[in-house]
Amino acid sequence: MEKLGKLSETEMEIMKAIWKVSAPVTVAQLLDMFESKGWKTSTMSTILKRLIEKGFLTKSMSGNVNYYEPVLNWKEYQKYENKTFLGRLYNGEVKNFFAALVDDDELSQDDITELKEWFMREADKK
């Protein structure tokens, strides 16, 4: 997968809504979903244009209506972000991430026990 741009909080909020719909959406549909924000059509169009430029959406036209569709689904995005995060902060190593959590006392003994059990169950599946 090619490198995606970084999502702002607003862009993430819009992408989550699009992923939830799991069908191509229009500006009008998104404005309805985000009615409480009071955004104008031009605001939403600008955000969607940025999401296309960052590699998250494609745009197609039917008649004179634009439809926006995600390039990747939520799970694919999570996987991409996990890899990016691990690579940037932990040399691409999951064990370095867990070591940092343990070293910083972010995991309780119960958390560690639960993770051990989870890893054992996953190992048995393979």
N, C-alpha and C. Protein backbone atom coordinates (compact mmCIF):
# COMPACT_ATOMS: atom_id res chain seq x y z
N MET A 1 0.85 -1.18 0.00
CA MET A 1 0.00 0.00 0.00
C MET A 1 0.89 1.24 0.00
N GLU A 2 0.51 2.19 -0.84
CA GLU A 2 1.32 3.41 -0.89
C GLU A 2 1.13 4.23 0.38
N LYS A 3 2.03 5.16 0.58
CA LYS A 3 2.00 5.99 1.78
C LYS A 3 0.80 6.94 1.73
N LEU A 4 0.06 6.93 2.82
CA LEU A 4 -1.10 7.81 2.94
C LEU A 4 -0.71 9.06 3.70
N GLY A 5 -1.46 10.14 3.48
CA GLY A 5 -1.24 11.36 4.24
C GLY A 5 -1.75 11.19 5.66
N LYS A 6 -1.38 12.09 6.53
CA LYS A 6 -1.81 12.08 7.92
C LYS A 6 -3.21 12.71 8.01
N LEU A 7 -4.09 12.08 8.76
CA LEU A 7 -5.46 12.59 8.93
C LEU A 7 -5.54 13.58 10.09
N SER A 8 -6.21 14.70 9.86
CA SER A 8 -6.54 15.61 10.95
C SER A 8 -7.71 15.00 11.73
N GLU A 9 -8.03 15.57 12.87
CA GLU A 9 -9.16 15.06 13.67
C GLU A 9 -10.46 15.14 12.86
N THR A 10 -10.67 16.23 12.16
CA THR A 10 -11.89 16.39 11.36
C THR A 10 -11.93 15.38 10.22
N GLU A 11 -10.81 15.21 9.55
CA GLU A 11 -10.75 14.24 8.45
C GLU A 11 -11.01 12.83 8.97
N MET A 12 -10.47 12.51 10.13
CA MET A 12 -10.70 11.19 10.73
C MET A 12 -12.18 11.00 11.04
N GLU A 13 -12.80 12.02 11.57
CA GLU A 13 -14.22 11.96 11.90
C GLU A 13 -15.05 11.68 10.64
N ILE A 14 -14.70 12.35 9.56
CA ILE A 14 -15.42 12.15 8.30
C ILE A 14 -15.15 10.76 7.74
N MET A 15 -13.90 10.33 7.78
CA MET A 15 -13.57 8.98 7.28
C MET A 15 -14.31 7.92 8.08
N LYS A 16 -14.39 8.07 9.39
CA LYS A 16 -15.12 7.08 10.20
C LYS A 16 -16.58 7.01 9.77
N ALA A 17 -17.17 8.16 9.48
CA ALA A 17 -18.57 8.17 9.03
C ALA A 17 -18.69 7.47 7.68
N ILE A 18 -17.75 7.72 6.79
CA ILE A 18 -17.78 7.08 5.46
C ILE A 18 -17.58 5.58 5.61
N TRP A 19 -16.63 5.16 6.44
CA TRP A 19 -16.41 3.73 6.66
C TRP A 19 -17.66 3.06 7.24
N LYS A 20 -18.34 3.77 8.12
CA LYS A 20 -19.54 3.21 8.75
C LYS A 20 -20.65 2.99 7.72
N VAL A 21 -20.80 3.91 6.78
CA VAL A 21 -21.82 3.79 5.74
C VAL A 21 -21.50 2.61 4.82
N SER A 22 -20.23 2.39 4.56
CA SER A 22 -19.71 1.34 3.68
C SER A 22 -20.41 1.30 2.32
N ALA A 23 -20.62 2.48 1.76
CA ALA A 23 -21.12 2.65 0.40
C ALA A 23 -20.67 4.04 -0.05
N PRO A 24 -20.59 4.26 -1.34
CA PRO A 24 -20.22 5.60 -1.80
C PRO A 24 -21.19 6.65 -1.24
N VAL A 25 -20.65 7.80 -0.85
CA VAL A 25 -21.47 8.86 -0.25
C VAL A 25 -21.35 10.15 -1.04
N THR A 26 -22.35 11.00 -0.86
CA THR A 26 -22.35 12.31 -1.51
C THR A 26 -22.08 13.39 -0.47
N VAL A 27 -21.77 14.58 -0.95
CA VAL A 27 -21.58 15.72 -0.05
C VAL A 27 -22.86 15.95 0.75
N ALA A 28 -24.00 15.86 0.09
CA ALA A 28 -25.29 16.09 0.77
C ALA A 28 -25.50 15.11 1.92
N GLN A 29 -25.17 13.84 1.69
CA GLN A 29 -25.31 12.83 2.75
C GLN A 29 -24.40 13.16 3.93
N LEU A 30 -23.18 13.54 3.63
CA LEU A 30 -22.24 13.88 4.71
C LEU A 30 -22.68 15.13 5.46
N LEU A 31 -23.19 16.11 4.74
CA LEU A 31 -23.69 17.32 5.42
C LEU A 31 -24.84 16.98 6.36
N ASP A 32 -25.69 16.04 5.95
CA ASP A 32 -26.78 15.58 6.83
C ASP A 32 -26.21 14.90 8.07
N MET A 33 -25.20 14.06 7.88
CA MET A 33 -24.59 13.35 9.01
C MET A 33 -23.94 14.31 10.00
N PHE A 34 -23.40 15.39 9.48
CA PHE A 34 -22.67 16.35 10.32
C PHE A 34 -23.43 17.67 10.43
N GLU A 35 -24.75 17.58 10.42
CA GLU A 35 -25.61 18.76 10.48
C GLU A 35 -25.28 19.65 11.68
N SER A 36 -24.96 19.03 12.81
CA SER A 36 -24.68 19.78 14.03
C SER A 36 -23.44 20.67 13.91
N LYS A 37 -22.57 20.37 12.95
CA LYS A 37 -21.35 21.16 12.76
C LYS A 37 -21.62 22.47 12.03
N GLY A 38 -22.73 22.50 11.28
CA GLY A 38 -23.07 23.71 10.54
C GLY A 38 -22.16 23.98 9.34
N TRP A 39 -21.55 22.93 8.81
CA TRP A 39 -20.64 23.10 7.68
C TRP A 39 -21.42 23.42 6.41
N LYS A 40 -20.80 24.19 5.55
CA LYS A 40 -21.35 24.52 4.23
C LYS A 40 -20.85 23.47 3.22
N THR A 41 -21.48 23.44 2.07
CA THR A 41 -21.08 22.52 1.01
C THR A 41 -19.62 22.74 0.64
N SER A 42 -19.19 23.99 0.56
CA SER A 42 -17.81 24.28 0.17
C SER A 42 -16.82 23.73 1.20
N THR A 43 -17.16 23.79 2.48
CA THR A 43 -16.29 23.26 3.53
C THR A 43 -16.14 21.75 3.37
N MET A 44 -17.25 21.06 3.22
CA MET A 44 -17.22 19.60 3.06
C MET A 44 -16.47 19.22 1.79
N SER A 45 -16.70 19.93 0.71
CA SER A 45 -16.01 19.64 -0.55
C SER A 45 -14.50 19.81 -0.41
N THR A 46 -14.08 20.82 0.31
CA THR A 46 -12.65 21.06 0.54
C THR A 46 -12.04 19.91 1.34
N ILE A 47 -12.73 19.47 2.38
CA ILE A 47 -12.23 18.36 3.20
C ILE A 47 -12.14 17.09 2.36
N LEU A 48 -13.15 16.82 1.56
CA LEU A 48 -13.15 15.63 0.72
C LEU A 48 -12.04 15.69 -0.33
N LYS A 49 -11.79 16.88 -0.87
CA LYS A 49 -10.69 17.05 -1.83
C LYS A 49 -9.35 16.71 -1.16
N ARG A 50 -9.17 17.17 0.08
CA ARG A 50 -7.94 16.85 0.82
C ARG A 50 -7.81 15.34 1.05
N LEU A 51 -8.93 14.69 1.36
CA LEU A 51 -8.90 13.25 1.60
C LEU A 51 -8.55 12.49 0.32
N ILE A 52 -8.95 12.99 -0.82
CA ILE A 52 -8.56 12.39 -2.10
C ILE A 52 -7.06 12.59 -2.30
N GLU A 53 -6.59 13.81 -2.06
CA GLU A 53 -5.16 14.11 -2.24
C GLU A 53 -4.28 13.28 -1.30
N LYS A 54 -4.78 12.97 -0.12
CA LYS A 54 -4.02 12.18 0.85
C LYS A 54 -4.11 10.68 0.59
N GLY A 55 -4.93 10.29 -0.40
CA GLY A 55 -5.00 8.89 -0.79
C GLY A 55 -6.08 8.07 -0.09
N PHE A 56 -7.03 8.73 0.58
CA PHE A 56 -8.06 8.00 1.33
C PHE A 56 -9.35 7.77 0.55
N LEU A 57 -9.65 8.64 -0.39
CA LEU A 57 -10.91 8.56 -1.11
C LEU A 57 -10.69 8.60 -2.62
N THR A 58 -11.67 8.06 -3.33
CA THR A 58 -11.77 8.26 -4.77
C THR A 58 -13.10 8.95 -5.03
N LYS A 59 -13.18 9.62 -6.15
CA LYS A 59 -14.41 10.32 -6.51
C LYS A 59 -14.87 9.84 -7.88
N SER A 60 -16.16 9.55 -7.97
CA SER A 60 -16.75 9.22 -9.26
C SER A 60 -18.00 10.07 -9.42
N MET A 61 -18.47 10.16 -10.65
CA MET A 61 -19.63 11.00 -10.93
C MET A 61 -20.74 10.17 -11.55
N SER A 62 -21.96 10.43 -11.12
CA SER A 62 -23.12 9.83 -11.74
C SER A 62 -24.09 10.98 -12.00
N GLY A 63 -24.34 11.25 -13.26
CA GLY A 63 -25.10 12.46 -13.60
C GLY A 63 -24.23 13.65 -13.25
N ASN A 64 -24.77 14.52 -12.42
CA ASN A 64 -23.93 15.63 -11.96
C ASN A 64 -23.71 15.59 -10.44
N VAL A 65 -23.73 14.36 -9.90
CA VAL A 65 -23.50 14.15 -8.46
C VAL A 65 -22.18 13.41 -8.27
N ASN A 66 -21.35 13.94 -7.39
CA ASN A 66 -20.09 13.28 -7.04
C ASN A 66 -20.32 12.26 -5.93
N TYR A 67 -19.71 11.10 -6.09
CA TYR A 67 -19.76 10.05 -5.07
C TYR A 67 -18.33 9.80 -4.58
N TYR A 68 -18.20 9.70 -3.27
CA TYR A 68 -16.90 9.50 -2.64
C TYR A 68 -16.87 8.13 -1.99
N GLU A 69 -15.77 7.42 -2.26
CA GLU A 69 -15.64 6.05 -1.76
C GLU A 69 -14.25 5.86 -1.17
N PRO A 70 -14.15 5.17 -0.03
CA PRO A 70 -12.84 4.96 0.57
C PRO A 70 -11.96 4.02 -0.26
N VAL A 71 -10.68 4.32 -0.27
CA VAL A 71 -9.70 3.49 -0.98
C VAL A 71 -9.41 2.22 -0.17
N LEU A 72 -9.48 2.34 1.15
CA LEU A 72 -9.25 1.20 2.03
C LEU A 72 -10.33 1.18 3.11
N ASN A 73 -10.58 0.01 3.67
CA ASN A 73 -11.59 -0.08 4.72
C ASN A 73 -10.97 0.22 6.09
N TRP A 74 -11.78 0.23 7.13
CA TRP A 74 -11.34 0.59 8.48
C TRP A 74 -10.23 -0.34 8.97
N LYS A 75 -10.40 -1.64 8.77
CA LYS A 75 -9.40 -2.61 9.22
C LYS A 75 -8.07 -2.40 8.50
N GLU A 76 -8.12 -2.14 7.21
CA GLU A 76 -6.90 -1.89 6.45
C GLU A 76 -6.21 -0.62 6.95
N TYR A 77 -7.00 0.39 7.27
CA TYR A 77 -6.44 1.63 7.80
C TYR A 77 -5.77 1.39 9.16
N GLN A 78 -6.43 0.64 10.02
CA GLN A 78 -5.85 0.32 11.33
C GLN A 78 -4.51 -0.39 11.16
N LYS A 79 -4.46 -1.36 10.26
CA LYS A 79 -3.22 -2.10 10.01
C LYS A 79 -2.13 -1.15 9.52
N TYR A 80 -2.48 -0.27 8.61
CA TYR A 80 -1.53 0.71 8.07
C TYR A 80 -0.99 1.60 9.19
N GLU A 81 -1.89 2.12 10.02
CA GLU A 81 -1.48 3.02 11.11
C GLU A 81 -0.63 2.28 12.15
N ASN A 82 -0.98 1.04 12.44
CA ASN A 82 -0.18 0.25 13.38
C ASN A 82 1.25 0.08 12.88
N LYS A 83 1.38 -0.26 11.60
CA LYS A 83 2.72 -0.44 11.03
C LYS A 83 3.49 0.88 11.05
N THR A 84 2.82 1.97 10.70
CA THR A 84 3.47 3.28 10.67
C THR A 84 3.92 3.67 12.07
N PHE A 85 3.05 3.49 13.04
CA PHE A 85 3.33 3.82 14.44
C PHE A 85 4.51 2.99 14.97
N LEU A 86 4.46 1.69 14.75
CA LEU A 86 5.54 0.81 15.22
C LEU A 86 6.87 1.16 14.54
N GLY A 87 6.81 1.43 13.27
CA GLY A 87 8.03 1.76 12.54
C GLY A 87 8.64 3.07 13.02
N ARG A 88 7.79 4.04 13.25
CA ARG A 88 8.25 5.37 13.64
C ARG A 88 8.79 5.40 15.06
N LEU A 89 8.13 4.70 15.98
CA LEU A 89 8.49 4.82 17.39
C LEU A 89 9.21 3.61 17.98
N TYR A 90 9.04 2.45 17.38
CA TYR A 90 9.58 1.23 18.00
C TYR A 90 10.39 0.37 17.04
N ASN A 91 11.01 1.02 16.07
CA ASN A 91 11.89 0.31 15.14
C ASN A 91 11.17 -0.84 14.43
N GLY A 92 9.86 -0.72 14.27
CA GLY A 92 9.08 -1.74 13.58
C GLY A 92 8.85 -3.01 14.37
N GLU A 93 9.19 -3.00 15.65
CA GLU A 93 9.12 -4.21 16.48
C GLU A 93 8.00 -4.11 17.52
N VAL A 94 7.05 -5.03 17.43
CA VAL A 94 5.95 -5.08 18.40
C VAL A 94 6.49 -5.32 19.81
N LYS A 95 7.51 -6.17 19.92
CA LYS A 95 8.04 -6.47 21.25
C LYS A 95 8.61 -5.21 21.91
N ASN A 96 9.17 -4.29 21.12
CA ASN A 96 9.67 -3.03 21.68
C ASN A 96 8.53 -2.18 22.23
N PHE A 97 7.39 -2.23 21.55
CA PHE A 97 6.21 -1.51 22.02
C PHE A 97 5.74 -2.07 23.36
N PHE A 98 5.61 -3.40 23.43
CA PHE A 98 5.18 -4.01 24.69
C PHE A 98 6.19 -3.78 25.81
N ALA A 99 7.47 -3.84 25.48
CA ALA A 99 8.51 -3.58 26.48
C ALA A 99 8.37 -2.16 27.04
N ALA A 100 8.08 -1.21 26.18
CA ALA A 100 7.90 0.18 26.63
C ALA A 100 6.69 0.29 27.55
N LEU A 101 5.61 -0.41 27.23
CA LEU A 101 4.43 -0.38 28.10
C LEU A 101 4.74 -0.97 29.47
N VAL A 102 5.47 -2.07 29.48
CA VAL A 102 5.84 -2.72 30.75
C VAL A 102 6.80 -1.83 31.53
N ASP A 103 7.82 -1.30 30.85
CA ASP A 103 8.81 -0.45 31.51
C ASP A 103 8.19 0.81 32.10
N ASP A 104 7.16 1.33 31.45
CA ASP A 104 6.50 2.55 31.91
C ASP A 104 5.34 2.27 32.87
N ASP A 105 5.22 1.02 33.31
CA ASP A 105 4.15 0.62 34.23
C ASP A 105 2.75 0.90 33.68
N GLU A 106 2.62 0.81 32.36
CA GLU A 106 1.31 1.03 31.73
C GLU A 106 0.46 -0.24 31.76
N LEU A 107 1.10 -1.39 31.95
CA LEU A 107 0.37 -2.66 32.00
C LEU A 107 0.38 -3.18 33.44
N SER A 108 -0.81 -3.51 33.92
CA SER A 108 -0.91 -4.11 35.24
C SER A 108 -0.57 -5.60 35.13
N GLN A 109 -0.41 -6.25 36.26
CA GLN A 109 -0.15 -7.69 36.24
C GLN A 109 -1.32 -8.42 35.59
N ASP A 110 -2.54 -7.94 35.85
CA ASP A 110 -3.72 -8.55 35.22
C ASP A 110 -3.65 -8.41 33.69
N ASP A 111 -3.24 -7.21 33.22
CA ASP A 111 -3.09 -6.99 31.78
C ASP A 111 -2.09 -7.97 31.19
N ILE A 112 -0.96 -8.14 31.87
CA ILE A 112 0.09 -9.03 31.38
C ILE A 112 -0.41 -10.47 31.33
N THR A 113 -1.11 -10.90 32.38
CA THR A 113 -1.68 -12.25 32.42
C THR A 113 -2.67 -12.44 31.27
N GLU A 114 -3.53 -11.46 31.07
CA GLU A 114 -4.53 -11.53 30.00
C GLU A 114 -3.85 -11.60 28.63
N LEU A 115 -2.81 -10.81 28.43
CA LEU A 115 -2.07 -10.85 27.16
C LEU A 115 -1.39 -12.20 26.94
N LYS A 116 -0.80 -12.74 27.99
CA LYS A 116 -0.16 -14.06 27.88
C LYS A 116 -1.18 -15.10 27.44
N GLU A 117 -2.35 -15.08 28.08
CA GLU A 117 -3.39 -16.04 27.72
C GLU A 117 -3.85 -15.85 26.28
N TRP A 118 -3.98 -14.59 25.87
CA TRP A 118 -4.39 -14.30 24.50
C TRP A 118 -3.36 -14.81 23.51
N PHE A 119 -2.07 -14.55 23.79
CA PHE A 119 -1.00 -15.04 22.90
C PHE A 119 -1.00 -16.56 22.82
N MET A 120 -1.23 -17.22 23.93
CA MET A 120 -1.25 -18.69 23.93
C MET A 120 -2.42 -19.19 23.07
N ARG A 121 -3.60 -18.58 23.21
CA ARG A 121 -4.75 -18.99 22.39
C ARG A 121 -4.46 -18.78 20.90
N GLU A 122 -3.86 -17.65 20.57
CA GLU A 122 -3.54 -17.34 19.17
C GLU A 122 -2.50 -18.31 18.62
N ALA A 123 -1.52 -18.65 19.44
CA ALA A 123 -0.47 -19.59 19.02
C ALA A 123 -1.08 -20.96 18.75
N ASP A 124 -2.08 -21.36 19.54
CA ASP A 124 -2.73 -22.67 19.36
C ASP A 124 -3.53 -22.71 18.06
N LYS A 125 -4.00 -21.56 17.59
CA LYS A 125 -4.78 -21.50 16.35
C LYS A 125 -3.90 -21.74 15.12
N LYS A 126 -2.61 -21.49 15.25
CA LYS A 126 -1.72 -21.57 14.08
C LYS A 126 -1.05 -22.88 13.96
